Protein backbone atom coordinates (compact mmCIF):
# COMPACT_ATOMS: atom_id res chain seq x y z
CA PRO A 1 12.02 30.17 -60.09
CA GLU A 2 8.23 30.19 -59.97
CA LYS A 3 7.95 27.39 -62.55
CA GLY A 4 10.58 25.32 -60.72
CA LEU A 5 8.68 25.70 -57.45
CA ALA A 6 5.38 24.84 -59.15
CA TYR A 7 6.97 21.74 -60.71
CA SER A 8 8.36 20.67 -57.34
CA LEU A 9 5.01 21.14 -55.63
CA ASP A 10 3.04 19.44 -58.42
CA ASN A 11 5.29 16.38 -58.18
CA ASP A 12 5.35 16.26 -54.38
CA ALA A 13 9.15 16.44 -54.33
CA SER A 14 9.25 17.33 -50.63
CA ARG A 15 7.39 14.18 -49.59
CA ILE A 16 9.52 12.01 -51.91
CA VAL A 17 12.84 13.38 -50.62
CA ASN A 18 11.67 13.12 -47.01
CA LYS A 19 10.52 9.53 -47.52
CA ALA A 20 13.80 8.54 -49.21
CA ILE A 21 16.01 10.08 -46.52
CA SER A 22 13.83 9.03 -43.57
CA SER A 23 13.63 5.43 -44.82
CA LYS A 24 17.18 5.04 -43.51
CA VAL A 25 18.35 3.60 -46.81
CA PHE A 26 21.32 5.97 -46.48
CA THR A 27 21.99 5.00 -42.85
CA ASP A 28 25.51 6.07 -41.93
CA ARG A 29 26.47 6.30 -45.60
CA LYS A 30 28.00 9.06 -47.64
CA ILE A 31 26.47 9.68 -51.04
CA VAL A 32 28.78 11.58 -53.42
CA LEU A 33 27.27 13.39 -56.40
CA ILE A 34 29.83 13.94 -59.14
CA GLY A 35 28.83 16.15 -62.01
CA ASP A 36 28.28 19.52 -63.54
CA SER A 37 25.95 22.39 -62.72
CA ASN A 38 22.92 20.11 -63.18
CA PHE A 39 24.12 17.94 -60.29
CA ARG A 40 24.81 21.09 -58.28
CA GLN A 41 21.17 22.08 -58.80
CA ILE A 42 19.98 18.62 -57.73
CA PHE A 43 22.20 18.78 -54.63
CA SER A 44 20.91 22.26 -53.80
CA SER A 45 17.30 21.12 -54.17
CA ILE A 46 17.89 18.14 -51.88
CA ALA A 47 19.56 20.46 -49.35
CA CYS A 48 16.65 22.92 -49.41
CA ILE A 49 13.96 20.26 -49.20
CA SER A 50 15.71 18.35 -46.43
CA HIS A 51 16.10 21.61 -44.47
CA THR A 52 12.40 22.36 -44.84
CA GLU A 53 11.59 18.82 -43.71
CA GLY A 54 13.78 19.18 -40.61
CA LEU A 55 16.28 16.52 -41.67
CA TRP A 56 19.48 18.53 -41.14
CA ARG A 57 21.68 17.47 -38.22
CA THR A 58 22.20 21.08 -37.10
CA PRO A 59 21.39 24.53 -38.51
CA ASN A 60 24.96 24.58 -39.88
CA SER A 61 24.80 21.17 -41.57
CA TYR A 62 25.39 22.61 -45.05
CA THR A 63 28.95 23.62 -45.82
CA ALA A 64 30.50 24.59 -49.13
CA ALA A 65 34.01 25.51 -50.18
CA MET A 66 34.25 28.06 -52.97
CA MET A 67 37.32 28.71 -55.04
CA HIS A 68 37.63 31.05 -57.98
CA VAL A 69 39.90 29.80 -60.75
CA TYR A 70 40.19 31.80 -63.95
CA GLU A 71 36.65 32.84 -64.85
CA HIS A 72 34.99 29.87 -63.15
CA ASP A 73 33.69 29.17 -59.66
CA PHE A 74 34.03 25.62 -58.37
CA ASN A 75 32.61 24.26 -55.20
CA ASP A 76 32.42 21.11 -53.19
CA ALA A 77 29.62 20.92 -50.67
CA ARG A 78 28.54 18.67 -47.84
CA LEU A 79 25.18 18.17 -46.18
CA MET A 80 25.10 16.34 -42.85
CA LEU A 81 21.71 14.80 -42.15
CA GLN A 82 20.27 13.85 -38.77
CA GLU A 83 22.22 11.28 -36.80
CA GLY A 84 22.14 7.93 -38.58
CA LEU A 85 20.77 9.33 -41.86
CA GLY A 86 24.17 9.83 -43.47
CA GLU A 87 25.68 12.64 -45.53
CA ILE A 88 25.31 13.87 -49.10
CA LEU A 89 28.31 15.43 -50.82
CA LEU A 90 28.79 17.30 -54.09
CA SER A 91 32.26 17.04 -55.60
CA PRO A 92 32.33 17.97 -59.29
CA ARG A 93 35.88 16.64 -59.81
CA ALA A 94 36.01 13.70 -57.37
CA GLY A 95 38.13 10.88 -58.73
CA GLN A 96 38.58 12.85 -61.95
CA ILE A 97 35.69 10.81 -63.37
CA ASN A 98 34.25 13.65 -65.43
CA SER A 99 36.11 15.71 -67.99
CA TYR A 100 35.02 19.29 -68.52
CA GLY A 101 37.34 20.00 -71.43
CA TRP A 102 39.92 22.01 -69.49
CA ASP A 103 43.64 21.89 -70.12
CA LYS A 104 45.51 20.19 -67.30
CA GLU A 105 47.01 23.55 -66.38
CA ARG A 106 43.54 25.03 -65.92
CA SER A 107 41.89 22.22 -63.99
CA PRO A 108 41.56 23.35 -60.36
CA MET A 109 41.62 19.89 -58.80
CA GLU A 110 44.50 18.28 -60.69
CA THR A 111 47.73 17.86 -58.76
């Protein structure tokens, strides 16, 4: 964790995320991140930085749904930003774009 924090500080990640969100490029849009644990880490970092920068709509703007299937935890998450700045969502299986090598019987989001 210390090296990750040092890397974030050295690269001024907080200012960059704040500038990107505050620029209103995402105005009233929903950005969906689809991917594995790496995307979950990116989403979590954006959530933490945007909270520190005061960009959350409310103190409860971050919500996540957890479900335990077999030996794996899966979660979708949503971050609501200040009014007009949009939302950022994490949905690892949205649109079934990515394949994680599971059998259809084991995939938690397949219907």
